[in-house]
Amino acid sequence: MLRDADAQFWNRAARKYAADPITDLTGYERTLARTRGLLRSSDIVMELGCGTGTTTLKLAPFISRPY
């Protein structure tokens, strides 16, 4: 179970992380397209500690369900 102090630390870190812009948007979009090509509509995918979850949300329509 996450302690309050741990949750506060990670919440602060998440806000800082979310405020940083993607520096190579073209590369990011290219990576999204390449990743979409590897996903199948029957896939079940687990996302762990991947920042803000924005990328996960962009890829979610291409899988069966998140785990």
Protein backbone atom coordinates (compact mmCIF):
# COMPACT_ATOMS: atom_id res chain seq x y z
CA MET A 1 0.00 0.00 0.00
CA LEU A 2 1.27 3.48 -0.86
CA ARG A 3 1.96 5.65 2.16
CA ASP A 4 0.79 9.28 2.18
CA ALA A 5 4.38 10.57 1.96
CA ASP A 6 5.06 8.30 -1.02
CA ALA A 7 1.87 9.39 -2.76
CA GLN A 8 2.72 13.05 -2.20
CA PHE A 9 6.20 12.52 -3.65
CA TRP A 10 4.88 10.79 -6.78
CA ASN A 11 2.07 13.32 -7.24
CA ARG A 12 4.64 16.15 -7.24
CA ALA A 13 6.86 14.22 -9.65
CA ALA A 14 3.91 13.58 -11.96
CA ARG A 15 3.01 17.27 -12.14
CA LYS A 16 6.61 18.15 -13.06
CA TYR A 17 6.78 15.36 -15.63
CA ALA A 18 3.47 16.40 -17.19
CA ALA A 19 4.64 20.00 -17.53
CA ASP A 20 7.65 19.02 -19.68
CA PRO A 21 6.81 19.23 -23.39
CA ILE A 22 7.73 16.49 -25.84
CA THR A 23 10.92 17.83 -27.41
CA ASP A 24 10.80 15.71 -30.58
CA LEU A 25 7.13 15.61 -31.55
CA THR A 26 7.90 14.18 -34.99
CA GLY A 27 9.85 11.30 -33.44
CA TYR A 28 7.11 10.74 -30.86
CA GLU A 29 4.43 10.53 -33.58
CA ARG A 30 6.64 8.18 -35.61
CA THR A 31 7.06 5.93 -32.55
CA LEU A 32 3.30 5.95 -31.94
CA ALA A 33 2.66 4.90 -35.54
CA ARG A 34 5.28 2.13 -35.34
CA THR A 35 3.81 0.89 -32.05
CA ARG A 36 0.25 0.95 -33.44
CA GLY A 37 1.50 -1.30 -36.24
CA LEU A 38 2.60 -3.89 -33.68
CA LEU A 39 -0.67 -3.92 -31.76
CA ARG A 40 -3.62 -6.16 -32.57
CA SER A 41 -7.24 -5.62 -31.63
CA SER A 42 -7.09 -8.85 -29.61
CA ASP A 43 -4.10 -7.72 -27.49
CA ILE A 44 -4.34 -7.22 -23.73
CA VAL A 45 -1.71 -4.72 -22.65
CA MET A 46 -0.25 -3.78 -19.26
CA GLU A 47 1.16 -0.29 -18.78
CA LEU A 48 3.42 0.25 -15.79
CA GLY A 49 4.86 3.55 -14.68
CA CYS A 50 4.74 5.21 -18.07
CA GLY A 51 4.50 8.85 -17.09
CA THR A 52 1.18 10.62 -17.47
CA GLY A 53 -0.57 7.84 -19.37
CA THR A 54 -1.06 10.07 -22.44
CA THR A 55 0.66 7.60 -24.74
CA THR A 56 -1.39 4.77 -23.31
CA LEU A 57 -4.59 6.67 -24.03
CA LYS A 58 -3.49 7.27 -27.62
CA LEU A 59 -2.79 3.55 -28.12
CA ALA A 60 -5.76 2.13 -26.19
CA PRO A 61 -8.16 2.15 -29.18
CA PHE A 62 -5.91 -0.34 -30.95
CA ILE A 63 -6.08 -3.13 -28.34
CA SER A 64 -8.71 -5.36 -26.81
CA ARG A 65 -8.32 -4.00 -23.29
CA PRO A 66 -5.77 -2.73 -20.80
CA TYR A 67 -4.74 -5.01 -17.95
